[in-house]
Protein backbone atom coordinates (compact mmCIF):
# COMPACT_ATOMS: atom_id res chain seq x y z
CA MET A 1 80.82 116.62 105.89
CA ILE A 2 81.11 114.79 108.88
CA PHE A 3 80.29 110.78 108.87
CA ALA A 4 78.18 110.55 112.08
CA ALA A 5 75.60 107.99 110.98
CA GLY A 6 77.49 104.66 112.23
CA LEU A 7 75.81 102.13 114.82
CA GLY A 8 78.85 102.30 116.96
CA THR A 9 78.45 98.21 117.72
CA ARG A 10 82.21 98.43 118.91
CA LEU A 11 81.24 100.88 121.45
CA ARG A 12 78.36 98.89 122.99
CA PRO A 13 76.93 99.49 125.81
CA LEU A 14 77.77 103.09 125.28
CA THR A 15 76.00 103.11 122.01
CA ASP A 16 72.42 101.23 123.13
CA ASN A 17 70.82 104.22 123.53
CA MET A 18 72.74 107.15 122.08
CA PRO A 19 74.49 107.63 118.70
CA LYS A 20 78.44 106.83 118.85
CA ALA A 21 78.96 110.68 117.79
CA LEU A 22 77.62 112.03 121.25
CA VAL A 23 80.14 109.46 122.81
CA SER A 24 82.17 112.01 125.69
CA VAL A 25 85.86 112.24 125.29
CA ALA A 26 87.17 114.21 128.05
CA GLY A 27 84.37 115.93 128.55
CA LYS A 28 83.36 116.84 125.01
CA THR A 29 81.56 114.35 122.22
CA MET A 30 83.38 113.12 119.28
CA LEU A 31 81.19 115.11 117.39
CA GLU A 32 82.06 118.58 119.16
CA ARG A 33 85.55 117.84 119.21
CA VAL A 34 85.48 117.48 115.23
CA ILE A 35 82.94 120.40 114.41
CA LEU A 36 85.63 122.54 116.55
CA LYS A 37 88.39 121.48 114.47
CA LEU A 38 86.83 122.06 111.43
CA LYS A 39 85.84 125.43 112.72
CA ASP A 40 89.24 126.32 113.79
CA ALA A 41 90.80 125.36 110.44
CA GLY A 42 88.50 127.58 108.63
CA PHE A 43 85.73 125.26 107.42
CA HIS A 44 82.08 127.02 108.43
CA ASP A 45 79.86 125.16 106.23
CA ILE A 46 79.45 121.39 107.20
CA THR A 47 77.16 118.37 106.21
CA ILE A 48 76.57 115.67 108.72
CA ASN A 49 74.98 112.67 107.86
CA ILE A 50 72.96 110.53 110.51
CA HIS A 51 71.26 107.34 111.23
CA HIS A 52 71.66 105.73 114.36
CA PHE A 53 69.91 107.89 117.13
CA GLY A 54 69.72 110.70 114.66
CA SER A 55 67.20 112.74 116.44
CA GLN A 56 69.74 112.98 118.88
CA ILE A 57 72.31 114.38 116.91
CA ILE A 58 69.83 117.26 115.59
CA ASP A 59 68.83 118.12 118.95
CA PHE A 60 72.38 118.45 120.36
CA LEU A 61 73.33 120.47 117.27
CA ARG A 62 70.31 122.77 118.02
CA ALA A 63 71.09 123.04 121.57
CA ASN A 64 74.66 124.41 120.86
CA GLN A 65 73.52 126.67 118.27
CA ASN A 66 75.55 124.54 115.79
CA PHE A 67 78.62 125.55 117.41
CA GLY A 68 78.80 128.81 114.76
CA VAL A 69 78.74 127.28 111.53
CA ASP A 70 76.51 126.37 108.71
CA ILE A 71 75.15 122.94 109.37
CA HIS A 72 73.06 120.50 106.93
CA ILE A 73 71.98 117.25 107.81
CA SER A 74 72.15 114.37 105.31
CA ASP A 75 69.08 112.08 106.39
CA GLU A 76 70.05 108.42 106.52
CA ARG A 77 67.76 107.36 108.95
CA GLY A 78 65.73 105.43 106.07
CA GLU A 79 68.77 103.34 105.08
CA LEU A 80 72.26 103.34 106.47
CA LEU A 81 74.47 103.74 103.18
CA ASP A 82 77.94 103.28 104.43
CA THR A 83 80.98 105.74 103.39
CA GLY A 84 80.76 105.83 99.58
CA GLY A 85 77.06 105.64 99.48
CA GLY A 86 76.68 108.73 102.39
CA ILE A 87 78.79 110.75 100.09
CA LYS A 88 77.04 110.39 96.94
CA LYS A 89 73.66 110.87 98.92
CA ALA A 90 74.86 114.26 100.22
CA ARG A 91 76.29 115.12 96.57
CA PRO A 92 73.39 118.08 96.26
CA LEU A 93 74.78 119.55 99.77
CA LEU A 94 78.40 119.46 98.91
CA GLU A 95 79.10 119.83 95.06
CA SER A 96 80.28 122.91 94.07
CA ASN A 97 83.72 124.14 92.34
CA GLU A 98 85.58 123.65 95.57
CA PRO A 99 86.85 120.51 96.92
CA PHE A 100 85.57 119.10 100.30
CA LEU A 101 87.08 117.30 103.12
CA ILE A 102 85.45 114.46 104.62
CA HIS A 103 86.01 113.71 108.51
CA ASN A 104 84.73 110.23 110.34
CA ALA A 105 82.91 111.78 113.67
CA ASP A 106 85.07 108.91 115.75
CA ILE A 107 88.34 109.94 114.39
CA LEU A 108 90.39 112.73 116.57
CA THR A 109 93.85 113.72 115.63
CA ASP A 110 96.20 116.53 115.84
CA LEU A 111 96.31 116.72 112.12
CA ASP A 112 96.86 120.61 110.54
CA LEU A 113 93.44 120.34 108.49
CA ASN A 114 93.91 123.29 106.72
CA ALA A 115 97.59 122.20 105.78
CA PHE A 116 96.25 119.00 104.62
CA TYR A 117 93.34 120.68 102.57
CA HIS A 118 95.84 123.10 100.75
CA HIS A 119 98.00 120.07 99.98
CA HIS A 120 95.31 118.53 97.97
CA LEU A 121 94.05 122.30 96.50
CA GLU A 122 98.07 122.23 95.23
CA SER A 123 98.01 119.12 93.55
CA ASP A 124 95.98 117.58 90.77
CA ALA A 125 94.39 114.92 92.38
CA ASP A 126 90.75 113.69 92.16
CA ALA A 127 91.27 112.60 96.02
CA THR A 128 93.68 112.71 98.81
CA LEU A 129 93.53 110.21 101.41
CA LEU A 130 95.01 110.79 105.18
CA THR A 131 97.09 107.71 105.55
CA ASN A 132 99.38 106.32 108.56
CA HIS A 133 101.67 103.29 109.35
CA ARG A 134 99.76 101.83 112.41
CA LYS A 135 99.43 97.96 112.55
CA THR A 136 96.07 97.34 110.81
CA SER A 137 95.10 94.04 108.57
CA ARG A 138 93.88 96.09 105.72
CA TYR A 139 96.10 98.29 103.97
CA LEU A 140 95.84 100.69 100.93
CA LEU A 141 98.82 99.89 98.44
CA MET A 142 100.77 102.94 97.44
CA ASP A 143 103.51 103.43 95.01
CA GLN A 144 106.70 105.44 95.19
CA ASP A 145 104.79 108.69 94.27
CA ASN A 146 102.18 108.00 96.97
CA ARG A 147 99.60 107.22 94.45
CA LEU A 148 97.17 104.82 95.35
CA CYS A 149 97.25 101.53 93.22
CA GLY A 150 95.41 98.85 95.19
CA TRP A 151 94.27 97.40 98.33
CA THR A 152 95.10 94.10 100.63
CA ASN A 153 94.18 92.39 103.44
CA ILE A 154 97.48 91.01 105.05
CA SER A 155 94.97 88.41 107.05
CA THR A 156 93.36 86.83 104.39
CA GLY A 157 95.88 87.48 101.83
CA GLU A 158 92.90 88.98 99.62
CA VAL A 159 94.38 91.81 96.83
CA LEU A 160 92.19 94.45 94.78
CA PRO A 161 92.56 94.52 92.10
CA LYS A 162 92.87 90.96 91.71
CA GLU A 163 95.32 91.33 88.69
CA LEU A 164 97.84 93.36 90.88
CA ASP A 165 101.34 92.13 90.88
CA TYR A 166 101.55 92.12 94.38
CA PRO A 167 103.81 91.35 96.78
CA SER A 168 105.98 93.90 95.17
CA ASP A 169 108.54 96.21 96.33
CA HIS A 170 107.25 98.39 94.26
CA TYR A 171 104.24 99.38 96.67
CA GLN A 172 104.17 101.06 100.16
CA LEU A 173 101.62 99.64 102.95
CA GLN A 174 99.59 102.63 104.22
CA ALA A 175 96.72 102.43 106.61
CA PHE A 176 93.92 104.90 105.73
CA GLY A 177 93.12 107.59 108.07
CA CYS A 178 89.45 108.12 107.65
CA VAL A 179 89.98 111.64 106.68
CA HIS A 180 89.85 112.78 102.69
CA VAL A 181 89.64 115.37 100.36
CA LEU A 182 87.68 115.08 97.43
CA SER A 183 87.43 117.45 94.10
CA PRO A 184 84.00 117.30 92.30
CA SER A 185 85.74 115.37 89.79
CA ILE A 186 84.99 112.63 91.93
CA PHE A 187 81.51 112.36 91.40
CA ARG A 188 81.63 111.62 87.54
CA TYR A 189 82.95 108.06 88.48
CA MET A 190 79.99 107.39 91.07
CA GLU A 191 77.73 107.85 88.13
CA ASP A 192 78.46 104.31 86.97
CA GLU A 193 75.59 102.00 88.23
CA ARG A 194 77.74 100.11 90.53
CA TRP A 195 77.95 102.73 92.55
CA THR A 196 74.36 102.85 93.82
CA GLY A 197 72.92 102.46 97.18
CA LYS A 198 74.94 101.22 99.67
CA PHE A 199 78.65 101.24 99.02
CA SER A 200 82.01 101.37 100.77
CA ILE A 201 84.36 104.05 99.65
CA ILE A 202 87.58 102.23 99.43
CA PRO A 203 86.37 99.48 97.05
CA PHE A 204 85.61 102.78 94.95
CA TYR A 205 88.68 104.49 95.23
CA VAL A 206 90.54 101.23 94.30
CA ASP A 207 88.28 100.53 91.37
CA ILE A 208 89.07 104.25 89.95
CA CYS A 209 92.52 104.40 90.72
CA PRO A 210 94.03 103.30 87.09
CA LYS A 211 92.05 106.23 85.75
CA ALA A 212 91.55 108.79 88.52
CA ARG A 213 94.49 110.44 90.97
CA ILE A 214 93.80 109.12 94.33
CA GLN A 215 97.05 110.35 96.55
CA GLY A 216 98.16 109.54 99.84
CA PHE A 217 98.93 112.07 102.45
CA PRO A 218 100.91 109.95 105.13
CA ILE A 219 101.56 111.32 108.64
CA ASP A 220 102.67 110.05 112.07
CA SER A 221 100.19 107.83 113.91
CA GLU A 222 101.32 108.73 117.28
CA ASN A 223 98.02 111.27 117.81
CA TRP A 224 95.46 109.81 115.74
CA PHE A 225 92.55 108.07 117.51
CA ASP A 226 90.18 106.08 116.21
CA VAL A 227 87.72 106.19 119.36
CA GLY A 228 85.32 104.03 118.01
CA LYS A 229 86.84 101.34 119.98
CA PRO A 230 87.16 101.18 123.49
CA GLU A 231 90.65 100.47 124.14
CA THR A 232 91.65 103.58 121.66
CA LEU A 233 88.92 105.49 123.35
CA ALA A 234 90.69 105.37 126.72
CA LYS A 235 93.76 106.68 125.08
CA ALA A 236 92.17 109.17 123.77
CA GLU A 237 90.61 110.27 126.67
CA ALA A 238 94.00 110.47 128.37
CA TYR A 239 95.35 112.53 125.70
CA TYR A 240 92.82 115.20 125.62
CA ALA A 241 92.45 115.12 129.51
CA SER A 242 96.28 115.96 129.35
CA LEU A 243 96.29 118.98 127.16
């Protein structure tokens, strides 16, 4: 599944009249780059959620014959549901006996998606989260086995869950890389009435981590780009133009 429903507020004025996913990076849209990367890794059945200028995404996909893969649209034009709510809404399109991969449209990376997916398959995790050690204000708290135990905002001092014994040398600070693999078992935790409508996936992961296995997959962040920000978009432009 590709998250392509965001408003793209950080990229205004580029996104005043178009969805963020269709912003170009060195001659190709973000969405095209992610679709082709997924296709190269062997993923041929892709769900894309839409909201902001969603019809432009539908037209773009149609004009490019869906880039030779099967694409399903999870339509959030009526209400933007955030990352967790977006996954739950797309459940009928995602649920099978196989784990599924989630990838933000505005994340570009040289990560081997096939290896990442198979790392999850070989584990007993309910979810595997791509992480890195970039500087940010919000971090996942991982134990020595890369299992999620909590979350912190180092700017405000907020820690979740509130009862977690942190600061502590027991935990590693890892930043979420916005690519993750989820097993179908994850949906049973979303049946709790707290996880309805619009909700973010990170508070959900933090809430269920004492009873579910949520693991990290740390990588070098050198060629990981959040192209939803102007300064990183420029860096990604330079990197992909040089290839």
